[in-house]
C-alpha atoms as a PDB file:
ATOM      1  CA  UNK A   1      -9.329   7.964   1.459  1.00  0.00           C
ATOM      2  CA  UNK A   2     -13.086   8.590   1.878  1.00  0.00           C
ATOM      3  CA  UNK A   3     -14.919   6.196   4.246  1.00  0.00           C
ATOM      4  CA  UNK A   4     -17.967   6.256   1.966  1.00  0.00           C
ATOM      5  CA  UNK A   5     -15.841   4.791  -0.851  1.00  0.00           C
ATOM      6  CA  UNK A   6     -14.825   1.585   0.904  1.00  0.00           C
ATOM      7  CA  UNK A   7     -14.147  -1.395  -1.338  1.00  0.00           C
ATOM      8  CA  UNK A   8     -14.628  -5.065  -0.655  1.00  0.00           C
ATOM      9  CA  UNK A   9     -12.591  -8.050  -1.813  1.00  0.00           C
ATOM     10  CA  UNK A  10     -13.298  -8.896  -5.432  1.00  0.00           C
ATOM     11  CA  UNK A  11     -14.536  -5.425  -6.409  1.00  0.00           C
ATOM     12  CA  UNK A  12     -14.069  -4.624 -10.083  1.00  0.00           C
ATOM     13  CA  UNK A  13     -12.552  -1.177 -10.419  1.00  0.00           C
ATOM     14  CA  UNK A  14     -13.073   1.077 -13.421  1.00  0.00           C
ATOM     15  CA  UNK A  15     -10.238   3.274 -14.667  1.00  0.00           C
ATOM     16  CA  UNK A  16      -9.614   6.084 -12.202  1.00  0.00           C
ATOM     17  CA  UNK A  17      -7.820   6.993  -9.001  1.00  0.00           C
ATOM     18  CA  UNK A  18      -7.456   4.717  -6.012  1.00  0.00           C
ATOM     19  CA  UNK A  19      -6.336   6.715  -2.973  1.00  0.00           C
ATOM     20  CA  UNK A  20      -5.994   5.422   0.554  1.00  0.00           C
ATOM     21  CA  UNK A  21      -4.250   6.543   3.747  1.00  0.00           C
ATOM     22  CA  UNK A  22      -3.142   3.217   5.219  1.00  0.00           C
ATOM     23  CA  UNK A  23      -3.378  -0.511   4.764  1.00  0.00           C
ATOM     24  CA  UNK A  24      -2.795  -2.882   1.868  1.00  0.00           C
ATOM     25  CA  UNK A  25      -4.552  -3.302  -1.451  1.00  0.00           C
ATOM     26  CA  UNK A  26      -3.877  -6.062  -3.948  1.00  0.00           C
ATOM     27  CA  UNK A  27      -4.938  -5.343  -7.524  1.00  0.00           C
ATOM     28  CA  UNK A  28      -5.239  -8.032 -10.176  1.00  0.00           C
ATOM     29  CA  UNK A  29      -5.336  -6.769 -13.748  1.00  0.00           C
ATOM     30  CA  UNK A  30      -7.164  -8.666 -16.501  1.00  0.00           C
ATOM     31  CA  UNK A  31      -3.954  -9.629 -18.307  1.00  0.00           C
ATOM     32  CA  UNK A  32      -2.573 -11.118 -15.080  1.00  0.00           C
ATOM     33  CA  UNK A  33      -0.403  -8.356 -13.621  1.00  0.00           C
ATOM     34  CA  UNK A  34      -0.707  -8.141  -9.825  1.00  0.00           C
ATOM     35  CA  UNK A  35       0.106  -5.053  -7.775  1.00  0.00           C
ATOM     36  CA  UNK A  36       0.392  -4.999  -3.977  1.00  0.00           C
ATOM     37  CA  UNK A  37       0.071  -1.395  -2.750  1.00  0.00           C
ATOM     38  CA  UNK A  38       0.945  -0.187   0.740  1.00  0.00           C
ATOM     39  CA  UNK A  39      -0.656   3.011   1.969  1.00  0.00           C
ATOM     40  CA  UNK A  40      -0.563   5.882   1.924  1.00  0.00           C
ATOM     41  CA  UNK A  41      -0.995   5.556  -1.822  1.00  0.00           C
ATOM     42  CA  UNK A  42      -2.316   7.407  -4.867  1.00  0.00           C
ATOM     43  CA  UNK A  43      -2.623   4.989  -7.765  1.00  0.00           C
ATOM     44  CA  UNK A  44      -4.375   5.684 -11.065  1.00  0.00           C
ATOM     45  CA  UNK A  45      -5.797   2.725 -12.998  1.00  0.00           C
ATOM     46  CA  UNK A  46      -5.393   3.661 -16.654  1.00  0.00           C
ATOM     47  CA  UNK A  47      -6.141   0.356 -18.432  1.00  0.00           C
ATOM     48  CA  UNK A  48      -5.581  -3.365 -18.013  1.00  0.00           C
ATOM     49  CA  UNK A  49      -1.972  -2.805 -19.141  1.00  0.00           C
ATOM     50  CA  UNK A  50      -1.112   0.595 -17.627  1.00  0.00           C
ATOM     51  CA  UNK A  51      -1.199   2.505 -14.347  1.00  0.00           C
ATOM     52  CA  UNK A  52       0.204   5.661 -12.822  1.00  0.00           C
ATOM     53  CA  UNK A  53       1.429   6.089  -9.256  1.00  0.00           C
ATOM     54  CA  UNK A  54       1.997   9.482  -7.619  1.00  0.00           C
ATOM     55  CA  UNK A  55       2.578   8.147  -4.103  1.00  0.00           C
ATOM     56  CA  UNK A  56       3.063   4.778  -2.449  1.00  0.00           C
ATOM     57  CA  UNK A  57       5.088   1.654  -2.007  1.00  0.00           C
ATOM     58  CA  UNK A  58       4.213  -1.304  -4.179  1.00  0.00           C
ATOM     59  CA  UNK A  59       5.313  -4.535  -5.797  1.00  0.00           C
ATOM     60  CA  UNK A  60       4.303  -5.482  -9.341  1.00  0.00           C
ATOM     61  CA  UNK A  61       4.334  -9.112 -10.534  1.00  0.00           C
ATOM     62  CA  UNK A  62       3.922  -9.504 -14.282  1.00  0.00           C
ATOM     63  CA  UNK A  63       3.395 -12.898 -15.951  1.00  0.00           C
ATOM     64  CA  UNK A  64       4.126 -13.432 -19.682  1.00  0.00           C
ATOM     65  CA  UNK A  65       0.482 -12.633 -20.544  1.00  0.00           C
ATOM     66  CA  UNK A  66       0.996  -9.063 -19.266  1.00  0.00           C
ATOM     67  CA  UNK A  67       4.399  -8.510 -20.888  1.00  0.00           C
ATOM     68  CA  UNK A  68       4.660  -4.765 -21.607  1.00  0.00           C
ATOM     69  CA  UNK A  69       2.679  -3.634 -18.544  1.00  0.00           C
ATOM     70  CA  UNK A  70       3.484   0.072 -18.118  1.00  0.00           C
ATOM     71  CA  UNK A  71       3.721   1.988 -14.855  1.00  0.00           C
ATOM     72  CA  UNK A  72       4.290   5.749 -14.858  1.00  0.00           C
ATOM     73  CA  UNK A  73       5.394   7.937 -11.939  1.00  0.00           C
ATOM     74  CA  UNK A  74       5.890  11.717 -11.869  1.00  0.00           C
ATOM     75  CA  UNK A  75       9.493  11.351 -13.129  1.00  0.00           C
ATOM     76  CA  UNK A  76       9.828   7.930 -14.733  1.00  0.00           C
ATOM     77  CA  UNK A  77       8.172   5.237 -16.756  1.00  0.00           C
ATOM     78  CA  UNK A  78       8.707   1.514 -16.229  1.00  0.00           C
ATOM     79  CA  UNK A  79       7.818  -1.011 -18.898  1.00  0.00           C
ATOM     80  CA  UNK A  80       7.834  -4.500 -17.488  1.00  0.00           C
ATOM     81  CA  UNK A  81       9.323  -7.221 -19.642  1.00  0.00           C
ATOM     82  CA  UNK A  82       7.822 -10.151 -17.709  1.00  0.00           C
ATOM     83  CA  UNK A  83       9.174  -9.845 -14.208  1.00  0.00           C
ATOM     84  CA  UNK A  84       8.635  -8.559 -10.680  1.00  0.00           C
ATOM     85  CA  UNK A  85       9.743  -5.196  -9.359  1.00  0.00           C
ATOM     86  CA  UNK A  86       9.204  -3.076  -6.275  1.00  0.00           C
ATOM     87  CA  UNK A  87       8.929   0.682  -6.167  1.00  0.00           C
ATOM     88  CA  UNK A  88       8.560   3.441  -3.599  1.00  0.00           C
ATOM     89  CA  UNK A  89       7.206   6.755  -4.907  1.00  0.00           C
ATOM     90  CA  UNK A  90       7.536   9.721  -2.545  1.00  0.00           C
ATOM     91  CA  UNK A  91       5.343  12.826  -2.432  1.00  0.00           C
ATOM     92  CA  UNK A  92       8.212  14.910  -3.859  1.00  0.00           C
ATOM     93  CA  UNK A  93       8.223  12.805  -7.061  1.00  0.00           C
ATOM     94  CA  UNK A  94      11.417  10.937  -6.245  1.00  0.00           C
ATOM     95  CA  UNK A  95      11.319   7.147  -6.306  1.00  0.00           C
ATOM     96  CA  UNK A  96      13.358   3.990  -5.850  1.00  0.00           C
ATOM     97  CA  UNK A  97      12.966   1.009  -8.177  1.00  0.00           C
ATOM     98  CA  UNK A  98      14.168  -2.522  -7.343  1.00  0.00           C
ATOM     99  CA  UNK A  99      14.104  -5.311  -9.936  1.00  0.00           C
ATOM    100  CA  UNK A 100      13.221  -8.483  -8.033  1.00  0.00           C
ATOM    101  CA  UNK A 101      13.051 -10.877 -10.991  1.00  0.00           C
ATOM    102  CA  UNK A 102      13.601 -10.633 -14.730  1.00  0.00           C
ATOM    103  CA  UNK A 103      13.992  -7.313 -16.526  1.00  0.00           C
ATOM    104  CA  UNK A 104      12.377  -3.881 -16.862  1.00  0.00           C
ATOM    105  CA  UNK A 105      12.921  -0.898 -19.136  1.00  0.00           C
ATOM    106  CA  UNK A 106      13.019   2.549 -17.485  1.00  0.00           C
ATOM    107  CA  UNK A 107      12.923   5.961 -19.094  1.00  0.00           C
ATOM    108  CA  UNK A 108      11.831   9.565 -18.791  1.00  0.00           C
ATOM    109  CA  UNK A 109      10.866  10.867 -22.211  1.00  0.00           C
ATOM    110  CA  UNK A 110      10.161  14.326 -20.760  1.00  0.00           C
ATOM    111  CA  UNK A 111      13.888  14.941 -20.310  1.00  0.00           C
ATOM    112  CA  UNK A 112      14.938  13.076 -23.456  1.00  0.00           C
ATOM    113  CA  UNK A 113      16.311  10.147 -21.506  1.00  0.00           C
ATOM    114  CA  UNK A 114      17.001   6.989 -23.476  1.00  0.00           C
ATOM    115  CA  UNK A 115      15.416   3.825 -22.053  1.00  0.00           C
ATOM    116  CA  UNK A 116      17.638   1.882 -19.674  1.00  0.00           C
ATOM    117  CA  UNK A 117      17.301  -1.855 -19.112  1.00  0.00           C
ATOM    118  CA  UNK A 118      17.504  -3.026 -15.493  1.00  0.00           C
ATOM    119  CA  UNK A 119      17.930  -6.681 -14.616  1.00  0.00           C
ATOM    120  CA  UNK A 120      17.242  -8.768 -11.532  1.00  0.00           C
ATOM    121  CA  UNK A 121      19.164  -7.429  -8.528  1.00  0.00           C
ATOM    122  CA  UNK A 122      19.585  -3.928  -9.949  1.00  0.00           C
ATOM    123  CA  UNK A 123      18.064  -0.887  -8.261  1.00  0.00           C
ATOM    124  CA  UNK A 124      17.959   2.815  -9.086  1.00  0.00           C
ATOM    125  CA  UNK A 125      16.929   6.067  -7.454  1.00  0.00           C
ATOM    126  CA  UNK A 126      14.986   8.521  -9.617  1.00  0.00           C
ATOM    127  CA  UNK A 127      15.528  12.106  -8.465  1.00  0.00           C
ATOM    128  CA  UNK A 128      13.086  14.994  -8.823  1.00  0.00           C
ATOM    129  CA  UNK A 129      14.274  15.751 -12.349  1.00  0.00           C
ATOM    130  CA  UNK A 130      14.040  12.132 -13.522  1.00  0.00           C
ATOM    131  CA  UNK A 131      17.757  11.348 -13.475  1.00  0.00           C
ATOM    132  CA  UNK A 132      18.653   7.758 -12.533  1.00  0.00           C
ATOM    133  CA  UNK A 133      21.410   6.703 -10.135  1.00  0.00           C
ATOM    134  CA  UNK A 134      22.287   3.197  -8.975  1.00  0.00           C
ATOM    135  CA  UNK A 135      21.466   2.268  -5.357  1.00  0.00           C
ATOM    136  CA  UNK A 136      21.753  -0.805  -3.125  1.00  0.00           C
ATOM    137  CA  UNK A 137      19.024  -3.379  -3.821  1.00  0.00           C
ATOM    138  CA  UNK A 138      16.362  -3.776  -1.110  1.00  0.00           C
ATOM    139  CA  UNK A 139      13.845  -6.186  -2.603  1.00  0.00           C
ATOM    140  CA  UNK A 140      12.835  -7.781   0.687  1.00  0.00           C
ATOM    141  CA  UNK A 141      10.927  -4.684   1.808  1.00  0.00           C
ATOM    142  CA  UNK A 142       8.157  -5.219  -0.784  1.00  0.00           C
ATOM    143  CA  UNK A 143       5.245  -7.510   0.063  1.00  0.00           C
ATOM    144  CA  UNK A 144       4.477 -10.258  -2.439  1.00  0.00           C
ATOM    145  CA  UNK A 145       0.928 -11.469  -3.162  1.00  0.00           C
ATOM    146  CA  UNK A 146       1.780 -14.664  -1.237  1.00  0.00           C
ATOM    147  CA  UNK A 147       2.808 -12.629   1.824  1.00  0.00           C
ATOM    148  CA  UNK A 148      -0.427 -10.645   1.623  1.00  0.00           C
ATOM    149  CA  UNK A 149      -2.385 -13.909   1.538  1.00  0.00           C
ATOM    150  CA  UNK A 150      -0.498 -15.146   4.623  1.00  0.00           C
ATOM    151  CA  UNK A 151      -1.424 -11.929   6.459  1.00  0.00           C
ATOM    152  CA  UNK A 152      -5.068 -12.272   5.449  1.00  0.00           C
ATOM    153  CA  UNK A 153      -5.145 -15.893   6.663  1.00  0.00           C
ATOM    154  CA  UNK A 154      -3.488 -14.962   9.973  1.00  0.00           C
ATOM    155  CA  UNK A 155      -5.952 -12.095  10.532  1.00  0.00           C
ATOM    156  CA  UNK A 156      -8.918 -14.342   9.712  1.00  0.00           C
ATOM    157  CA  UNK A 157      -7.657 -16.936  12.174  1.00  0.00           C
ATOM    158  CA  UNK A 158      -7.150 -14.266  14.861  1.00  0.00           C
ATOM    159  CA  UNK A 159     -10.690 -12.949  14.349  1.00  0.00           C
ATOM    160  CA  UNK A 160     -12.131 -16.462  14.475  1.00  0.00           C
ATOM    161  CA  UNK A 161     -10.298 -17.232  17.717  1.00  0.00           C
ATOM    162  CA  UNK A 162     -11.568 -13.960  19.232  1.00  0.00           C
ATOM    163  CA  UNK A 163     -15.117 -14.876  18.208  1.00  0.00           C
ATOM    164  CA  UNK A 164     -14.770 -18.349  19.745  1.00  0.00           C
ATOM    165  CA  UNK A 165     -13.444 -16.901  23.007  1.00  0.00           C
ATOM    166  CA  UNK A 166     -16.280 -14.365  23.128  1.00  0.00           C
ATOM    167  CA  UNK A 167     -18.873 -17.038  22.335  1.00  0.00           C
ATOM    168  CA  UNK A 168     -17.497 -19.284  25.075  1.00  0.00           C
ATOM    169  CA  UNK A 169     -17.732 -16.414  27.574  1.00  0.00           C
ATOM    170  CA  UNK A 170     -21.486 -16.111  26.887  1.00  0.00           C
ATOM    171  CA  UNK A 171     -22.292 -19.629  28.087  1.00  0.00           C
END
């Protein structure tokens, strides 16, 4: 969120908060988990196998090497069992979780909630108290790492074409 804290591609981030107002950030964790965040977002890097999100929309892709990756929100905890899921966390602590592939385990130990397994195609809303209710799946609204790469390539091509046109106008 601070202009003086701008990051560049390939930056290694220590544990701590990553906050930004707009745009996209793709994080690659050492064990292979990949997170695509859409701003505004407040995302706390805890370790190479855990993160916390207080605000934002994101997709998490977890390969077998990162099985057990844990993501915590104000009212829920998701343990990934080798899968892909999307999540939107609102400022009021409510969130929606969509299992895109595989399986996750959700819980809220603070209210004594037993873990609940969610499988591909299942989605839940987590209210302000941490209670889960089933909702319609909407997995297509979460950007995958491949879609981010396509956007980066398209933007690079657009910038190159602008440079070529400008260069041509100088001669």
